[in-house]
Amino acid sequence: NKLGIEPVILPEERCCGHDLLWTGDFENFEKLAHLNVKYIKEAEAKTVIMTCPEGYRTFKIDYEDLLGGLDFEVIHLSEFISNMIEEGKLKFENKIERKITYHDPCRLGRHLGVYDAPRNVLNSIPGIELVEMKRNREEAQCCGVSSWLLCGESSKQMQLDRLKEAIETGAEQLVVGCHKCKIHFSCVMSEKRPPGYENIKIDVVDLTEIIAEAMGIKVE
């Protein structure tokens, strides 16, 4: 809306089915795929913008494989915003004096190769200082949880190690490109932590939230 684009909101929109697929429920995943594509076609949408890397991967790879291609373009929000900046259609006016680091989600990064767009967006925000963690891009550490399957001891250790890596950059804030990553990182910090990790604490925000902040959009 801020860019003069009024998106179509599908009243019957459902989950993409990512978790069903990755837990082996192929029958219901296929039903969701057909339903979602049907609703998008009926809306005559030509472009679908994803904020969720899992939804993006599901449409871009799994739906296309299942259905033999799609009749509409699917892009991630970071790619869309990056394109708007490059075309001169968006310039962030709100200055954010903050040192941040960015976490590459598995689905957006390793699965789809989207590394530059989120960084282009963040580097375009006045006042932002982006510092990289030791492991980034293809080498980025996973948040430790996939498809809500398990969040046991090993998962929590991965989360704590990643948060420690973010803190070691000197960043005030960890920006994540996936809302599930945000949930998992925030969750582990709310629990009792093992020795050596008691002081692990950093503000975690989704990429969409910092984009909204830079555009002067209040996020409820």
Protein backbone atom coordinates (compact mmCIF):
# COMPACT_ATOMS: atom_id res chain seq x y z
CA ASN A 1 0.00 0.00 0.00
CA LYS A 2 2.82 2.40 0.88
CA LEU A 3 4.24 1.86 -2.63
CA GLY A 4 0.90 2.41 -4.33
CA ILE A 5 0.23 -1.29 -4.78
CA GLU A 6 -3.02 -2.71 -3.43
CA PRO A 7 -2.51 -6.44 -2.87
CA VAL A 8 -5.23 -9.03 -3.27
CA ILE A 9 -5.94 -10.82 0.00
CA LEU A 10 -7.39 -14.27 -0.59
CA PRO A 11 -10.26 -14.97 1.85
CA GLU A 12 -9.78 -18.73 1.42
CA GLU A 13 -6.00 -18.69 1.63
CA ARG A 14 -4.54 -21.69 3.45
CA CYS A 15 -1.12 -22.79 4.66
CA CYS A 16 1.20 -23.79 1.82
CA GLY A 17 1.54 -27.27 3.31
CA HIS A 18 5.29 -27.18 3.88
CA ASP A 19 5.10 -28.97 7.24
CA LEU A 20 2.74 -31.61 5.87
CA LEU A 21 5.14 -32.34 3.02
CA TRP A 22 8.20 -32.57 5.25
CA THR A 23 6.41 -34.85 7.72
CA GLY A 24 5.26 -37.19 4.96
CA ASP A 25 1.57 -36.31 4.58
CA PHE A 26 1.74 -36.12 0.78
CA GLU A 27 -2.01 -36.58 0.27
CA ASN A 28 -3.03 -33.48 2.21
CA PHE A 29 -0.06 -31.50 0.90
CA GLU A 30 -1.26 -32.15 -2.65
CA LYS A 31 -4.79 -31.03 -1.72
CA LEU A 32 -3.45 -27.75 -0.32
CA ALA A 33 -1.29 -27.17 -3.39
CA HIS A 34 -4.23 -27.53 -5.76
CA LEU A 35 -6.48 -25.35 -3.57
CA ASN A 36 -3.98 -22.53 -3.17
CA VAL A 37 -3.10 -22.41 -6.86
CA LYS A 38 -6.81 -22.50 -7.74
CA TYR A 39 -7.56 -19.48 -5.51
CA ILE A 40 -4.59 -17.51 -6.86
CA LYS A 41 -5.65 -18.17 -10.47
CA GLU A 42 -9.24 -17.17 -9.69
CA ALA A 43 -7.93 -13.90 -8.21
CA GLU A 44 -6.03 -13.34 -11.50
CA ALA A 45 -2.89 -12.49 -9.53
CA LYS A 46 0.24 -12.37 -11.69
CA THR A 47 2.75 -12.09 -8.84
CA VAL A 48 2.73 -13.71 -5.41
CA ILE A 49 4.98 -12.10 -2.80
CA MET A 50 6.09 -14.37 0.03
CA THR A 51 7.26 -13.26 3.47
CA CYS A 52 7.79 -16.86 4.61
CA PRO A 53 10.86 -18.69 3.21
CA GLU A 54 9.14 -22.04 3.72
CA GLY A 55 6.12 -20.90 1.72
CA TYR A 56 8.45 -19.47 -0.92
CA ARG A 57 10.37 -22.74 -1.25
CA THR A 58 7.13 -24.74 -1.31
CA PHE A 59 5.62 -22.72 -4.16
CA LYS A 60 8.85 -22.21 -6.07
CA ILE A 61 10.07 -25.80 -5.97
CA ASP A 62 7.46 -28.24 -4.65
CA TYR A 63 4.34 -26.76 -6.27
CA GLU A 64 6.13 -26.34 -9.58
CA ASP A 65 7.33 -29.96 -9.46
CA LEU A 66 3.91 -31.25 -8.47
CA LEU A 67 1.88 -29.17 -10.92
CA GLY A 68 4.35 -28.96 -13.80
CA GLY A 69 4.90 -25.22 -13.40
CA LEU A 70 2.91 -22.19 -12.27
CA ASP A 71 1.12 -19.49 -14.26
CA PHE A 72 2.25 -16.71 -11.95
CA GLU A 73 5.51 -15.29 -10.60
CA VAL A 74 6.57 -16.11 -7.05
CA ILE A 75 9.12 -13.87 -5.30
CA HIS A 76 10.24 -13.22 -1.75
CA LEU A 77 9.51 -9.89 -0.08
CA SER A 78 13.23 -9.10 0.18
CA GLU A 79 13.59 -9.53 -3.60
CA PHE A 80 10.55 -7.34 -4.25
CA ILE A 81 11.76 -4.56 -1.93
CA SER A 82 15.30 -4.79 -3.31
CA ASN A 83 13.91 -4.39 -6.85
CA MET A 84 11.85 -1.36 -5.77
CA ILE A 85 14.99 0.25 -4.32
CA GLU A 86 17.05 -0.45 -7.45
CA GLU A 87 14.29 0.97 -9.67
CA GLY A 88 14.16 4.15 -7.59
CA LYS A 89 10.58 3.49 -6.46
CA LEU A 90 11.47 3.21 -2.78
CA LYS A 91 13.83 5.19 -0.61
CA PHE A 92 13.84 4.64 3.12
CA GLU A 93 13.28 7.92 4.95
CA ASN A 94 13.47 6.76 8.55
CA LYS A 95 17.00 6.66 9.90
CA ILE A 96 17.74 3.70 12.17
CA GLU A 97 20.98 4.13 14.09
CA ARG A 98 21.63 0.48 14.85
CA LYS A 99 24.28 -2.19 14.47
CA ILE A 100 22.67 -5.40 13.24
CA THR A 101 23.57 -8.86 11.98
CA TYR A 102 21.50 -10.98 9.60
CA HIS A 103 20.64 -14.69 9.88
CA ASP A 104 20.18 -16.58 6.58
CA PRO A 105 17.21 -18.98 6.80
CA CYS A 106 17.88 -22.42 5.29
CA ARG A 107 14.94 -22.35 2.87
CA LEU A 108 15.66 -18.85 1.57
CA GLY A 109 19.42 -19.28 1.46
CA ARG A 110 20.69 -22.76 0.74
CA HIS A 111 17.45 -23.95 -0.88
CA LEU A 112 16.82 -20.94 -3.14
CA GLY A 113 20.08 -18.99 -3.19
CA VAL A 114 18.59 -15.69 -1.99
CA TYR A 115 21.46 -14.04 -0.13
CA ASP A 116 21.97 -10.61 -1.69
CA ALA A 117 18.41 -9.23 -1.67
CA PRO A 118 17.97 -9.11 2.15
CA ARG A 119 21.41 -7.55 2.54
CA ASN A 120 20.70 -5.00 -0.22
CA VAL A 121 17.56 -3.97 1.63
CA LEU A 122 19.26 -3.71 5.02
CA ASN A 123 22.21 -1.76 3.61
CA SER A 124 19.75 0.70 2.03
CA ILE A 125 18.33 1.71 5.41
CA PRO A 126 19.99 4.95 6.61
CA GLY A 127 21.97 4.49 9.82
CA ILE A 128 22.06 0.69 9.70
CA GLU A 129 25.46 -0.95 10.15
CA LEU A 130 25.30 -4.56 8.96
CA VAL A 131 27.96 -6.87 10.37
CA GLU A 132 28.26 -10.50 9.32
CA MET A 133 28.47 -13.50 11.59
CA LYS A 134 31.41 -15.85 11.09
CA ARG A 135 29.09 -18.36 9.41
CA ASN A 136 26.93 -16.65 6.81
CA ARG A 137 25.33 -17.22 3.42
CA GLU A 138 25.93 -20.86 2.33
CA GLU A 139 27.73 -21.60 5.60
CA ALA A 140 25.04 -20.12 7.88
CA GLN A 141 24.07 -22.15 10.93
CA CYS A 142 20.49 -23.48 10.92
CA CYS A 143 18.14 -22.31 13.69
CA GLY A 144 17.84 -25.96 14.66
CA VAL A 145 14.18 -26.73 13.96
CA SER A 146 12.49 -27.88 10.75
CA SER A 147 8.74 -28.27 10.25
CA TRP A 148 8.15 -28.06 14.03
CA LEU A 149 9.34 -31.70 14.16
CA LEU A 150 11.67 -31.47 17.10
CA CYS A 151 13.09 -28.93 19.50
CA GLY A 152 15.16 -31.15 21.74
CA GLU A 153 18.57 -30.74 23.32
CA SER A 154 20.48 -30.71 20.01
CA SER A 155 18.14 -28.11 18.51
CA LYS A 156 18.48 -25.84 21.53
CA GLN A 157 22.26 -26.16 21.43
CA MET A 158 22.25 -25.05 17.78
CA GLN A 159 20.06 -22.08 18.65
CA LEU A 160 22.26 -21.01 21.54
CA ASP A 161 25.43 -21.37 19.46
CA ARG A 162 23.92 -19.24 16.69
CA LEU A 163 22.79 -16.56 19.16
CA LYS A 164 26.25 -16.51 20.73
CA GLU A 165 27.73 -16.05 17.26
CA ALA A 166 25.37 -13.12 16.63
CA ILE A 167 26.29 -11.48 19.95
CA GLU A 168 30.01 -11.88 19.23
CA THR A 169 29.64 -9.57 16.20
CA GLY A 170 28.80 -6.72 18.58
CA ALA A 171 25.37 -6.32 16.97
CA GLU A 172 22.51 -4.86 18.99
CA GLN A 173 19.91 -6.73 17.02
CA LEU A 174 19.60 -10.02 15.13
CA VAL A 175 17.51 -9.70 11.97
CA VAL A 176 16.11 -12.99 10.70
CA GLY A 177 14.58 -13.67 7.30
CA CYS A 178 12.10 -16.24 8.65
CA HIS A 179 9.44 -15.86 11.33
CA LYS A 180 9.96 -19.47 12.47
CA CYS A 181 13.63 -18.70 13.13
CA LYS A 182 12.48 -15.72 15.20
CA ILE A 183 10.16 -17.94 17.24
CA HIS A 184 12.85 -20.55 17.89
CA PHE A 185 15.56 -18.05 18.86
CA SER A 186 13.17 -16.08 21.09
CA CYS A 187 11.87 -19.26 22.68
CA VAL A 188 15.27 -20.61 23.71
CA MET A 189 16.17 -17.26 25.31
CA SER A 190 13.02 -17.42 27.45
CA GLU A 191 14.05 -20.76 28.95
CA LYS A 192 16.61 -21.74 31.56
CA ARG A 193 19.93 -21.95 29.76
CA PRO A 194 22.86 -24.31 30.38
CA PRO A 195 26.16 -23.21 31.95
CA GLY A 196 28.11 -20.87 29.70
CA TYR A 197 24.97 -19.56 27.98
CA GLU A 198 23.25 -17.81 30.91
CA ASN A 199 23.89 -14.33 29.48
CA ILE A 200 22.81 -15.11 25.92
CA LYS A 201 20.38 -12.31 25.09
CA ILE A 202 19.86 -10.25 21.93
CA ASP A 203 16.85 -8.55 20.38
CA VAL A 204 15.50 -10.66 17.49
CA VAL A 205 13.30 -9.15 14.76
CA ASP A 206 11.97 -10.39 11.44
CA LEU A 207 13.20 -8.73 8.24
CA THR A 208 9.65 -7.56 7.55
CA GLU A 209 9.57 -5.69 10.86
CA ILE A 210 12.74 -3.69 10.21
CA ILE A 211 11.55 -2.87 6.68
CA ALA A 212 8.30 -1.55 8.15
CA GLU A 213 10.21 0.45 10.75
CA ALA A 214 12.39 2.03 8.04
CA MET A 215 9.24 2.92 6.07
CA GLY A 216 7.55 4.47 9.10
CA ILE A 217 4.92 1.75 9.30
CA LYS A 218 3.81 0.87 12.82
CA VAL A 219 3.79 -2.88 13.42
CA GLU A 220 1.22 -4.09 15.94
